[in-house]
Amino acid sequence: MRAALAERRARDLASEPWTPRPAEGRARPRRVAVGDPQAPLAVFLRVLDRHGLLGPDGWLANDVELVSIGDHFDFGGSDQRESAARDGLAIAIWLASHPADQVTLIAGNHDLARVGELAPFDDATFDRVHAQAVAAYRNGEPDPAAERALCQAYPSLATAEVAARDFSAFCSAQRDLVWALLRAQRLPLAYAASARLLFCHAGVTREHLAAVGAAEGCDARHAARALNGALDAAVARHAGGALEIAALHRPGSFARGEGGGMLYHRPAHPDLPKNQ
């Protein structure tokens, strides 16, 4: 019953623009983390309920603090694309609709793809692009000519696989939510649970930290402030097109290859060869 109520609440929330809830200042002694919640909404909520994390009102229990470590969108095959798009949106907006000091959503590459590789697309265009990408991708054995034609026509795509599989469950409402979360500073790159515990979606190197002005050997709180400051500055400067975070996150494109940086476990240095 708790999971079913939470599912109804999440679907209702997904039908409206996101409304942030401020921090409550409440003590929350149960602190948990979940990684990559890329799953049907009902499954995700049943997992939370099985661990005793849901309350009787369709929200997390009041004593629970949750960190969601990125990638809230994209799962399943083409036959699940529409339901996966709806469920990803519902998961993300349900989590984000909790108080700011109860749920922390960390950005993953699938989240930032909505404002990166997928920035040029509306729903109707992406439907057409996805169908073309599936035909070019051919279940992992791409047709080189068809793939090249697709990526030349839509240069924010590095490969056919990006639209056919990786980011296949896209809808424009997800992009609207991601932008709202970024502007409200509710989708950071990192979260420091203590001076010694840093949460982020993928690996952070010394080079990443040095690039954002974090001192060698700094603690987790300093690292999180530096990384999130770089993200906030990129959001503030953004004037259109794909969102890029200098030295930290580079969206993919036909010209530059697949995305790189700390969210991909790939370097974002512009002088390194394509696709590295």
Protein backbone atom coordinates (compact mmCIF):
# COMPACT_ATOMS: atom_id res chain seq x y z
CA MET A 1 0.00 0.00 0.00
CA ARG A 2 2.83 2.42 0.79
CA ALA A 3 4.51 1.80 -2.58
CA ALA A 4 1.21 2.09 -4.45
CA LEU A 5 0.43 5.40 -2.75
CA ALA A 6 3.91 6.71 -3.54
CA GLU A 7 3.47 5.66 -7.17
CA ARG A 8 0.19 7.57 -7.46
CA ARG A 9 1.82 10.60 -5.89
CA ALA A 10 4.79 10.41 -8.25
CA ARG A 11 2.58 10.19 -11.33
CA ASP A 12 0.50 13.14 -10.16
CA LEU A 13 3.65 15.18 -9.57
CA ALA A 14 4.95 14.30 -13.06
CA SER A 15 1.87 15.88 -14.64
CA GLU A 16 2.75 19.35 -13.30
CA PRO A 17 5.84 21.58 -13.23
CA TRP A 18 8.21 20.81 -10.37
CA THR A 19 7.64 22.75 -7.15
CA PRO A 20 10.64 22.81 -4.79
CA ARG A 21 10.26 22.22 -1.07
CA PRO A 22 12.67 24.03 1.25
CA ALA A 23 14.77 22.34 3.90
CA GLU A 24 12.88 21.46 7.08
CA GLY A 25 15.76 21.25 9.55
CA ARG A 26 14.45 17.93 10.84
CA ALA A 27 16.77 15.27 12.30
CA ARG A 28 16.85 12.27 9.97
CA PRO A 29 18.89 9.47 11.60
CA ARG A 30 18.49 6.91 8.80
CA ARG A 31 20.84 7.90 5.99
CA VAL A 32 20.79 5.81 2.82
CA ALA A 33 22.08 6.04 -0.75
CA VAL A 34 20.84 4.58 -4.01
CA GLY A 35 22.77 4.47 -7.26
CA ASP A 36 21.40 4.76 -10.80
CA PRO A 37 17.63 4.42 -10.17
CA GLN A 38 17.02 3.43 -13.81
CA ALA A 39 14.03 1.13 -13.41
CA PRO A 40 10.25 1.10 -13.67
CA LEU A 41 8.71 3.43 -11.11
CA ALA A 42 6.81 0.64 -9.34
CA VAL A 43 9.98 -1.44 -9.01
CA PHE A 44 12.00 1.46 -7.65
CA LEU A 45 9.38 2.26 -5.02
CA ARG A 46 8.96 -1.38 -4.00
CA VAL A 47 12.70 -1.59 -3.41
CA LEU A 48 12.52 1.45 -1.14
CA ASP A 49 9.51 0.00 0.66
CA ARG A 50 11.18 -3.39 1.15
CA HIS A 51 13.93 -1.56 3.05
CA GLY A 52 11.38 0.24 5.23
CA LEU A 53 12.08 3.66 3.72
CA LEU A 54 8.55 4.73 2.71
CA GLY A 55 6.10 6.44 5.02
CA PRO A 56 2.31 6.00 5.03
CA ASP A 57 1.71 9.22 3.08
CA GLY A 58 3.37 8.50 -0.28
CA TRP A 59 6.69 10.09 0.66
CA LEU A 60 9.88 8.83 2.24
CA ALA A 61 9.58 8.25 5.98
CA ASN A 62 10.35 11.40 7.96
CA ASP A 63 13.45 9.88 9.58
CA VAL A 64 15.06 8.97 6.22
CA GLU A 65 17.66 11.02 4.36
CA LEU A 66 18.34 9.69 0.86
CA VAL A 67 21.14 10.41 -1.62
CA SER A 68 20.40 9.38 -5.21
CA ILE A 69 23.73 9.06 -7.01
CA GLY A 70 22.79 10.05 -10.55
CA ASP A 71 21.25 8.62 -13.72
CA HIS A 72 17.53 8.93 -13.13
CA PHE A 73 16.55 8.31 -16.77
CA ASP A 74 16.83 5.59 -19.45
CA PHE A 75 16.25 1.87 -19.11
CA GLY A 76 14.88 -0.98 -21.17
CA GLY A 77 14.58 -1.49 -24.91
CA SER A 78 12.71 0.33 -27.64
CA ASP A 79 9.48 -1.46 -26.76
CA GLN A 80 9.62 0.14 -23.30
CA ARG A 81 10.67 3.61 -24.46
CA GLU A 82 7.43 5.48 -23.75
CA SER A 83 6.84 3.92 -20.35
CA ALA A 84 10.53 4.36 -19.43
CA ALA A 85 10.31 8.05 -20.33
CA ARG A 86 7.27 8.51 -18.08
CA ASP A 87 8.74 6.49 -15.23
CA GLY A 88 12.11 8.24 -15.31
CA LEU A 89 10.39 11.60 -15.09
CA ALA A 90 8.17 10.39 -12.24
CA ILE A 91 11.10 8.97 -10.25
CA ALA A 92 13.14 12.15 -10.59
CA ILE A 93 10.32 14.55 -9.77
CA TRP A 94 9.11 12.46 -6.81
CA LEU A 95 12.59 12.45 -5.33
CA ALA A 96 13.11 16.16 -6.02
CA SER A 97 9.76 17.05 -4.45
CA HIS A 98 10.99 16.04 -1.00
CA PRO A 99 12.50 18.72 1.25
CA ALA A 100 15.94 19.86 0.18
CA ASP A 101 17.56 18.42 3.32
CA GLN A 102 15.87 15.03 2.92
CA VAL A 103 16.75 14.06 -0.66
CA THR A 104 19.90 14.93 -2.59
CA LEU A 105 19.87 14.17 -6.31
CA ILE A 106 23.36 14.00 -7.81
CA ALA A 107 23.83 14.59 -11.52
CA GLY A 108 24.79 11.66 -13.73
CA ASN A 109 25.64 11.60 -17.41
CA HIS A 110 22.11 10.47 -18.32
CA ASP A 111 20.69 13.43 -16.39
CA LEU A 112 22.96 16.01 -18.00
CA ALA A 113 22.41 14.43 -21.42
CA ARG A 114 18.95 16.01 -21.29
CA VAL A 115 20.60 19.44 -21.42
CA GLY A 116 23.60 18.20 -23.42
CA GLU A 117 23.41 15.74 -26.30
CA LEU A 118 19.60 15.93 -26.32
CA ALA A 119 19.32 19.72 -26.06
CA PRO A 120 18.26 20.25 -29.70
CA PHE A 121 15.34 17.80 -29.71
CA ASP A 122 11.65 18.13 -29.09
CA ASP A 123 9.51 15.03 -28.58
CA ALA A 124 8.35 14.65 -32.19
CA THR A 125 11.85 15.09 -33.61
CA PHE A 126 13.37 12.63 -31.17
CA ASP A 127 10.73 10.04 -32.02
CA ARG A 128 11.88 10.19 -35.65
CA VAL A 129 15.56 10.25 -34.71
CA HIS A 130 15.17 7.25 -32.41
CA ALA A 131 13.56 5.19 -35.16
CA GLN A 132 16.36 6.11 -37.58
CA ALA A 133 18.98 5.38 -34.92
CA VAL A 134 17.56 1.92 -34.19
CA ALA A 135 17.74 1.11 -37.90
CA ALA A 136 21.34 2.36 -38.11
CA TYR A 137 22.48 0.78 -34.81
CA ARG A 138 21.22 -2.71 -35.73
CA ASN A 139 21.44 -4.13 -32.21
CA GLY A 140 25.12 -3.33 -31.79
CA GLU A 141 26.36 -3.92 -35.34
CA PRO A 142 25.94 -0.45 -36.85
CA ASP A 143 25.54 0.29 -40.54
CA PRO A 144 28.43 2.79 -41.02
CA ALA A 145 26.78 4.72 -43.85
CA ALA A 146 23.43 5.00 -42.10
CA GLU A 147 25.10 5.98 -38.82
CA ARG A 148 27.19 8.66 -40.49
CA ALA A 149 24.17 10.09 -42.29
CA LEU A 150 22.21 10.21 -39.05
CA CYS A 151 24.96 11.94 -37.08
CA GLN A 152 25.63 14.42 -39.85
CA ALA A 153 21.96 15.33 -39.85
CA TYR A 154 21.87 15.54 -36.03
CA PRO A 155 25.41 16.56 -35.01
CA SER A 156 24.76 16.50 -31.25
CA LEU A 157 24.79 12.69 -31.56
CA ALA A 158 28.19 11.00 -31.48
CA THR A 159 26.83 7.62 -32.59
CA ALA A 160 23.57 5.94 -33.52
CA GLU A 161 23.75 4.04 -30.24
CA VAL A 162 23.30 7.27 -28.27
CA ALA A 163 19.75 7.73 -29.57
CA ALA A 164 18.93 4.06 -30.11
CA ARG A 165 19.96 2.80 -26.66
CA ASP A 166 21.92 5.05 -24.28
CA PHE A 167 19.51 8.00 -24.02
CA SER A 168 16.54 6.36 -25.70
CA ALA A 169 13.89 7.14 -23.04
CA PHE A 170 14.02 10.90 -23.57
CA CYS A 171 11.12 13.34 -23.42
CA SER A 172 11.26 17.12 -23.30
CA ALA A 173 9.56 17.25 -19.88
CA GLN A 174 12.67 15.56 -18.48
CA ARG A 175 14.83 18.36 -19.90
CA ASP A 176 12.53 20.98 -18.33
CA LEU A 177 12.90 19.26 -14.97
CA VAL A 178 16.69 18.97 -15.23
CA TRP A 179 17.01 22.68 -16.03
CA ALA A 180 14.73 23.56 -13.11
CA LEU A 181 16.78 21.41 -10.75
CA LEU A 182 20.08 22.84 -11.98
CA ARG A 183 18.91 26.42 -11.60
CA ALA A 184 17.64 25.68 -8.09
CA GLN A 185 20.96 23.98 -7.22
CA ARG A 186 19.13 20.72 -6.55
CA LEU A 187 21.16 18.59 -8.99
CA PRO A 188 24.78 18.98 -7.86
CA LEU A 189 27.83 17.12 -9.10
CA ALA A 190 28.82 16.09 -5.58
CA TYR A 191 27.55 15.87 -2.03
CA ALA A 192 29.71 15.67 1.08
CA ALA A 193 28.04 13.63 3.80
CA SER A 194 31.03 14.41 6.05
CA ALA A 195 34.57 15.69 5.72
CA ARG A 196 35.66 12.18 4.67
CA LEU A 197 32.73 10.96 2.54
CA LEU A 198 32.05 12.36 -0.94
CA PHE A 199 29.18 11.16 -3.10
CA CYS A 200 29.34 11.65 -6.86
CA HIS A 201 28.17 9.72 -9.90
CA ALA A 202 31.58 8.55 -11.12
CA GLY A 203 35.27 9.00 -10.47
CA VAL A 204 36.82 12.32 -9.48
CA THR A 205 40.55 12.65 -10.15
CA ARG A 206 43.20 14.97 -8.78
CA GLU A 207 43.13 16.68 -12.16
CA HIS A 208 39.41 17.36 -11.85
CA LEU A 209 39.87 18.89 -8.41
CA ALA A 210 42.88 20.95 -9.48
CA ALA A 211 40.94 22.27 -12.47
CA VAL A 212 38.26 23.73 -10.19
CA GLY A 213 40.73 25.16 -7.69
CA ALA A 214 40.48 22.54 -4.96
CA ALA A 215 43.72 22.18 -3.02
CA GLU A 216 45.65 18.90 -3.06
CA GLY A 217 44.44 16.73 -0.19
CA CYS A 218 41.32 18.80 0.49
CA ASP A 219 38.49 17.19 2.42
CA ALA A 220 35.17 16.09 0.93
CA ARG A 221 33.34 19.29 1.83
CA HIS A 222 35.90 21.46 0.05
CA ALA A 223 35.85 19.14 -2.96
CA ALA A 224 32.05 19.25 -3.19
CA ARG A 225 31.99 23.05 -2.97
CA ALA A 226 34.57 23.35 -5.75
CA LEU A 227 32.86 20.87 -8.06
CA ASN A 228 29.41 22.29 -7.49
CA GLY A 229 30.70 25.82 -7.91
CA ALA A 230 31.97 24.90 -11.38
CA LEU A 231 28.57 23.45 -12.27
CA ASP A 232 26.69 26.50 -10.96
CA ALA A 233 28.99 28.81 -12.93
CA ALA A 234 28.38 26.80 -16.12
CA VAL A 235 24.61 26.96 -15.59
CA ALA A 236 24.76 30.71 -14.96
CA ARG A 237 26.81 31.27 -18.14
CA HIS A 238 24.72 29.01 -20.34
CA ALA A 239 23.34 30.88 -23.35
CA GLY A 240 21.94 28.02 -25.41
CA GLY A 241 22.91 24.65 -26.83
CA ALA A 242 24.51 21.84 -24.86
CA LEU A 243 25.59 22.48 -21.28
CA GLU A 244 29.33 21.92 -20.84
CA ILE A 245 31.28 22.16 -17.58
CA ALA A 246 34.83 23.18 -18.34
CA ALA A 247 37.39 20.46 -17.47
CA LEU A 248 34.69 18.33 -15.80
CA HIS A 249 31.98 17.34 -18.27
CA ARG A 250 31.90 17.39 -22.08
CA PRO A 251 28.76 16.26 -23.92
CA GLY A 252 29.25 14.06 -26.91
CA SER A 253 28.82 15.16 -30.52
CA PHE A 254 29.51 13.94 -34.04
CA ALA A 255 32.52 16.27 -34.29
CA ARG A 256 34.10 15.36 -30.94
CA GLY A 257 32.94 11.81 -30.33
CA GLU A 258 31.30 10.37 -27.23
CA GLY A 259 30.96 12.44 -24.09
CA GLY A 260 33.81 12.70 -21.62
CA GLY A 261 34.66 13.81 -18.12
CA MET A 262 33.97 12.85 -14.55
CA LEU A 263 30.44 11.56 -15.21
CA TYR A 264 31.58 9.21 -17.97
CA HIS A 265 34.85 7.83 -16.57
CA ARG A 266 36.42 9.43 -19.64
CA PRO A 267 38.70 12.48 -19.79
CA ALA A 268 37.28 15.78 -21.00
CA HIS A 269 40.61 17.29 -22.06
CA PRO A 270 40.16 18.85 -25.53
CA ASP A 271 43.62 17.79 -26.74
CA LEU A 272 43.06 14.07 -26.22
CA PRO A 273 42.04 11.93 -29.22
CA LYS A 274 38.39 11.53 -30.16
CA ASN A 275 36.45 8.94 -28.12
CA GLN A 276 39.08 8.72 -25.36
